[in-house]
């Protein structure tokens, strides 16, 4: 059985304390097949009776972090260019359960990621990578993005 190995808090920057006011959370489940799960901040039954969860399976192990940013651009930012490209490349209406590893050709992924890297209105993100998380070796890719980010990587040895 796998476990969560990374988490990203997504939200608005708090200018008074340099913190974050989260609107969404993304969790990386790593098992035989890694998957990102995006949930609204209000996950209690009183605040969100549907408990809507969005799950995307990354295209390849080496693209796990950037595939998560694509999911955030589509579902959280709702970037018009990303939405248009996703509709062009995917034959499914429901983008809540997506398998990028089988439904996305390399050229299409490259076009989507290129468009993601041009986005300038990213929300603040706190990226937490636990010991042995696959994202720990992918953090350098974030330099290709205009992000307000804080990165917390486990130093457990």
C-alpha atoms as a PDB file:
ATOM      1  CA  UNK A   1       0.000   0.000   0.000  1.00  0.00           C
ATOM      2  CA  UNK A   2       1.281   3.455  -0.913  1.00  0.00           C
ATOM      3  CA  UNK A   3       1.175   6.659   1.071  1.00  0.00           C
ATOM      4  CA  UNK A   4       1.113  10.388   0.550  1.00  0.00           C
ATOM      5  CA  UNK A   5       4.645  11.594  -0.123  1.00  0.00           C
ATOM      6  CA  UNK A   6       4.023  15.216  -1.052  1.00  0.00           C
ATOM      7  CA  UNK A   7       1.479  17.928  -0.513  1.00  0.00           C
ATOM      8  CA  UNK A   8       0.959  21.363  -2.024  1.00  0.00           C
ATOM      9  CA  UNK A   9      -1.023  24.108  -0.330  1.00  0.00           C
ATOM     10  CA  UNK A  10      -2.526  26.478  -2.889  1.00  0.00           C
ATOM     11  CA  UNK A  11      -3.958  29.856  -2.037  1.00  0.00           C
ATOM     12  CA  UNK A  12      -3.567  33.522  -1.446  1.00  0.00           C
ATOM     13  CA  UNK A  13      -0.440  35.004   0.068  1.00  0.00           C
ATOM     14  CA  UNK A  14      -0.987  36.552   3.504  1.00  0.00           C
ATOM     15  CA  UNK A  15       0.961  39.803   3.409  1.00  0.00           C
ATOM     16  CA  UNK A  16       0.930  40.348   7.165  1.00  0.00           C
ATOM     17  CA  UNK A  17       2.698  37.148   8.174  1.00  0.00           C
ATOM     18  CA  UNK A  18       4.158  35.834   4.883  1.00  0.00           C
ATOM     19  CA  UNK A  19       1.874  32.837   5.212  1.00  0.00           C
ATOM     20  CA  UNK A  20      -0.819  31.397   3.000  1.00  0.00           C
ATOM     21  CA  UNK A  21      -4.594  31.383   3.081  1.00  0.00           C
ATOM     22  CA  UNK A  22      -5.239  28.037   1.363  1.00  0.00           C
ATOM     23  CA  UNK A  23      -8.085  27.495  -1.052  1.00  0.00           C
ATOM     24  CA  UNK A  24      -7.002  24.026  -2.247  1.00  0.00           C
ATOM     25  CA  UNK A  25      -4.719  21.151  -1.307  1.00  0.00           C
ATOM     26  CA  UNK A  26      -3.006  18.686  -3.615  1.00  0.00           C
ATOM     27  CA  UNK A  27      -1.696  15.367  -2.314  1.00  0.00           C
ATOM     28  CA  UNK A  28       0.681  13.012  -4.126  1.00  0.00           C
ATOM     29  CA  UNK A  29      -0.147   9.373  -3.556  1.00  0.00           C
ATOM     30  CA  UNK A  30       2.779   7.163  -4.546  1.00  0.00           C
ATOM     31  CA  UNK A  31       2.152   3.523  -5.034  1.00  0.00           C
ATOM     32  CA  UNK A  32       2.677   1.355  -8.087  1.00  0.00           C
ATOM     33  CA  UNK A  33       0.966   4.192  -9.981  1.00  0.00           C
ATOM     34  CA  UNK A  34       1.428   7.734  -8.619  1.00  0.00           C
ATOM     35  CA  UNK A  35      -1.563  10.077  -8.575  1.00  0.00           C
ATOM     36  CA  UNK A  36      -2.286  13.651  -7.577  1.00  0.00           C
ATOM     37  CA  UNK A  37      -5.524  14.352  -5.682  1.00  0.00           C
ATOM     38  CA  UNK A  38      -6.806  17.937  -5.625  1.00  0.00           C
ATOM     39  CA  UNK A  39      -9.384  18.925  -3.021  1.00  0.00           C
ATOM     40  CA  UNK A  40     -11.061  22.164  -2.088  1.00  0.00           C
ATOM     41  CA  UNK A  41      -9.915  23.552   1.254  1.00  0.00           C
ATOM     42  CA  UNK A  42     -13.370  23.040   2.731  1.00  0.00           C
ATOM     43  CA  UNK A  43     -13.392  19.249   2.773  1.00  0.00           C
ATOM     44  CA  UNK A  44     -15.696  18.816   5.754  1.00  0.00           C
ATOM     45  CA  UNK A  45     -19.213  17.598   5.006  1.00  0.00           C
ATOM     46  CA  UNK A  46     -20.741  20.819   6.342  1.00  0.00           C
ATOM     47  CA  UNK A  47     -18.730  23.037   3.997  1.00  0.00           C
ATOM     48  CA  UNK A  48     -18.502  20.725   0.997  1.00  0.00           C
ATOM     49  CA  UNK A  49     -21.211  18.070   1.008  1.00  0.00           C
ATOM     50  CA  UNK A  50     -20.021  16.520  -2.276  1.00  0.00           C
ATOM     51  CA  UNK A  51     -16.436  16.124  -1.035  1.00  0.00           C
ATOM     52  CA  UNK A  52     -15.322  16.616  -4.612  1.00  0.00           C
ATOM     53  CA  UNK A  53     -11.895  15.199  -5.356  1.00  0.00           C
ATOM     54  CA  UNK A  54      -9.997  15.532  -8.601  1.00  0.00           C
ATOM     55  CA  UNK A  55      -7.431  12.866  -9.455  1.00  0.00           C
ATOM     56  CA  UNK A  56      -4.809  13.057 -12.189  1.00  0.00           C
ATOM     57  CA  UNK A  57      -2.256  10.342 -12.894  1.00  0.00           C
ATOM     58  CA  UNK A  58       1.034  11.879 -14.118  1.00  0.00           C
ATOM     59  CA  UNK A  59       2.330  11.180 -17.616  1.00  0.00           C
ATOM     60  CA  UNK A  60       5.722   9.833 -16.514  1.00  0.00           C
ATOM     61  CA  UNK A  61       7.586   9.615 -13.182  1.00  0.00           C
ATOM     62  CA  UNK A  62       9.964  12.394 -14.256  1.00  0.00           C
ATOM     63  CA  UNK A  63       7.019  14.734 -14.976  1.00  0.00           C
ATOM     64  CA  UNK A  64       5.101  14.315 -11.724  1.00  0.00           C
ATOM     65  CA  UNK A  65       5.556  17.872 -10.452  1.00  0.00           C
ATOM     66  CA  UNK A  66       4.876  19.653 -13.742  1.00  0.00           C
ATOM     67  CA  UNK A  67       1.819  17.496 -14.398  1.00  0.00           C
ATOM     68  CA  UNK A  68       0.487  18.715 -11.049  1.00  0.00           C
ATOM     69  CA  UNK A  69       1.025  22.327 -12.143  1.00  0.00           C
ATOM     70  CA  UNK A  70      -0.967  21.553 -15.281  1.00  0.00           C
ATOM     71  CA  UNK A  71      -3.808  20.234 -13.118  1.00  0.00           C
ATOM     72  CA  UNK A  72      -3.663  23.404 -10.978  1.00  0.00           C
ATOM     73  CA  UNK A  73      -3.686  25.624 -14.089  1.00  0.00           C
ATOM     74  CA  UNK A  74      -6.785  23.816 -15.353  1.00  0.00           C
ATOM     75  CA  UNK A  75      -8.826  23.346 -12.159  1.00  0.00           C
ATOM     76  CA  UNK A  76      -7.703  26.140  -9.822  1.00  0.00           C
ATOM     77  CA  UNK A  77      -6.557  29.018 -12.041  1.00  0.00           C
ATOM     78  CA  UNK A  78      -8.916  27.987 -14.847  1.00  0.00           C
ATOM     79  CA  UNK A  79      -6.495  29.441 -17.385  1.00  0.00           C
ATOM     80  CA  UNK A  80      -8.385  29.912 -20.694  1.00  0.00           C
ATOM     81  CA  UNK A  81      -5.476  28.813 -22.891  1.00  0.00           C
ATOM     82  CA  UNK A  82      -4.908  25.648 -20.850  1.00  0.00           C
ATOM     83  CA  UNK A  83      -8.637  24.855 -20.869  1.00  0.00           C
ATOM     84  CA  UNK A  84      -8.742  25.289 -24.649  1.00  0.00           C
ATOM     85  CA  UNK A  85      -5.692  23.060 -25.165  1.00  0.00           C
ATOM     86  CA  UNK A  86      -7.001  20.382 -22.803  1.00  0.00           C
ATOM     87  CA  UNK A  87     -10.303  20.301 -24.711  1.00  0.00           C
ATOM     88  CA  UNK A  88      -8.306  19.958 -27.929  1.00  0.00           C
ATOM     89  CA  UNK A  89      -6.182  17.049 -26.667  1.00  0.00           C
ATOM     90  CA  UNK A  90      -8.653  15.081 -24.553  1.00  0.00           C
ATOM     91  CA  UNK A  91     -11.758  13.265 -25.712  1.00  0.00           C
ATOM     92  CA  UNK A  92     -13.406  13.268 -22.335  1.00  0.00           C
ATOM     93  CA  UNK A  93     -15.780  15.800 -20.829  1.00  0.00           C
ATOM     94  CA  UNK A  94     -15.020  15.048 -17.189  1.00  0.00           C
ATOM     95  CA  UNK A  95     -11.485  16.204 -16.413  1.00  0.00           C
ATOM     96  CA  UNK A  96     -11.775  15.155 -12.775  1.00  0.00           C
ATOM     97  CA  UNK A  97     -10.230  11.708 -13.279  1.00  0.00           C
ATOM     98  CA  UNK A  98      -7.468  11.918 -15.839  1.00  0.00           C
ATOM     99  CA  UNK A  99      -4.720   9.485 -16.771  1.00  0.00           C
ATOM    100  CA  UNK A 100      -2.034  11.553 -18.479  1.00  0.00           C
ATOM    101  CA  UNK A 101       0.107   8.447 -18.907  1.00  0.00           C
ATOM    102  CA  UNK A 102      -2.282   6.896 -21.406  1.00  0.00           C
ATOM    103  CA  UNK A 103      -4.339   9.798 -22.752  1.00  0.00           C
ATOM    104  CA  UNK A 104      -1.719  12.365 -23.669  1.00  0.00           C
ATOM    105  CA  UNK A 105       0.797  12.208 -26.506  1.00  0.00           C
ATOM    106  CA  UNK A 106       4.275  13.665 -25.945  1.00  0.00           C
ATOM    107  CA  UNK A 107       3.800  16.592 -28.349  1.00  0.00           C
ATOM    108  CA  UNK A 108       0.491  17.518 -26.713  1.00  0.00           C
ATOM    109  CA  UNK A 109       2.063  17.406 -23.256  1.00  0.00           C
ATOM    110  CA  UNK A 110       4.939  19.604 -24.407  1.00  0.00           C
ATOM    111  CA  UNK A 111       2.482  22.177 -25.786  1.00  0.00           C
ATOM    112  CA  UNK A 112       0.482  22.159 -22.540  1.00  0.00           C
ATOM    113  CA  UNK A 113       3.584  22.513 -20.363  1.00  0.00           C
ATOM    114  CA  UNK A 114       4.933  25.306 -22.583  1.00  0.00           C
ATOM    115  CA  UNK A 115       1.647  27.181 -22.089  1.00  0.00           C
ATOM    116  CA  UNK A 116       1.747  26.521 -18.335  1.00  0.00           C
ATOM    117  CA  UNK A 117       5.193  28.063 -18.109  1.00  0.00           C
ATOM    118  CA  UNK A 118       3.815  31.305 -19.602  1.00  0.00           C
ATOM    119  CA  UNK A 119       1.138  31.736 -16.917  1.00  0.00           C
ATOM    120  CA  UNK A 120       1.837  34.722 -14.686  1.00  0.00           C
ATOM    121  CA  UNK A 121      -1.127  34.646 -12.267  1.00  0.00           C
ATOM    122  CA  UNK A 122      -0.213  31.569 -10.244  1.00  0.00           C
ATOM    123  CA  UNK A 123      -1.519  31.467  -6.681  1.00  0.00           C
ATOM    124  CA  UNK A 124       0.934  31.121  -3.824  1.00  0.00           C
ATOM    125  CA  UNK A 125       2.059  27.537  -3.233  1.00  0.00           C
ATOM    126  CA  UNK A 126       3.718  25.778  -0.342  1.00  0.00           C
ATOM    127  CA  UNK A 127       5.301  22.613  -1.716  1.00  0.00           C
ATOM    128  CA  UNK A 128       6.114  19.899   0.795  1.00  0.00           C
ATOM    129  CA  UNK A 129       8.157  16.887  -0.253  1.00  0.00           C
ATOM    130  CA  UNK A 130       8.533  14.128   2.293  1.00  0.00           C
ATOM    131  CA  UNK A 131      11.489  11.808   2.456  1.00  0.00           C
ATOM    132  CA  UNK A 132      11.861   9.847  -0.824  1.00  0.00           C
ATOM    133  CA  UNK A 133       9.061  11.728  -2.585  1.00  0.00           C
ATOM    134  CA  UNK A 134       9.438  11.698  -6.352  1.00  0.00           C
ATOM    135  CA  UNK A 135       9.074  15.473  -6.491  1.00  0.00           C
ATOM    136  CA  UNK A 136      12.247  16.082  -4.473  1.00  0.00           C
ATOM    137  CA  UNK A 137      14.431  15.611  -7.553  1.00  0.00           C
ATOM    138  CA  UNK A 138      12.116  17.737  -9.712  1.00  0.00           C
ATOM    139  CA  UNK A 139      12.099  20.982  -7.707  1.00  0.00           C
ATOM    140  CA  UNK A 140      14.526  22.679 -10.137  1.00  0.00           C
ATOM    141  CA  UNK A 141      11.817  22.675 -12.844  1.00  0.00           C
ATOM    142  CA  UNK A 142       9.951  25.296 -10.800  1.00  0.00           C
ATOM    143  CA  UNK A 143      12.506  27.864 -11.965  1.00  0.00           C
ATOM    144  CA  UNK A 144      10.728  27.753 -15.341  1.00  0.00           C
ATOM    145  CA  UNK A 145       7.592  29.195 -13.713  1.00  0.00           C
ATOM    146  CA  UNK A 146       6.646  32.562 -12.229  1.00  0.00           C
ATOM    147  CA  UNK A 147       5.564  31.234  -8.839  1.00  0.00           C
ATOM    148  CA  UNK A 148       5.236  32.675  -5.362  1.00  0.00           C
ATOM    149  CA  UNK A 149       6.403  29.505  -3.647  1.00  0.00           C
ATOM    150  CA  UNK A 150       7.835  28.085  -0.483  1.00  0.00           C
ATOM    151  CA  UNK A 151       9.535  24.727  -0.717  1.00  0.00           C
ATOM    152  CA  UNK A 152       9.869  22.369   2.232  1.00  0.00           C
ATOM    153  CA  UNK A 153      11.839  19.193   1.512  1.00  0.00           C
ATOM    154  CA  UNK A 154      12.580  16.599   4.173  1.00  0.00           C
ATOM    155  CA  UNK A 155      16.217  16.381   5.202  1.00  0.00           C
ATOM    156  CA  UNK A 156      15.758  13.090   7.041  1.00  0.00           C
ATOM    157  CA  UNK A 157      18.678  10.794   6.451  1.00  0.00           C
END
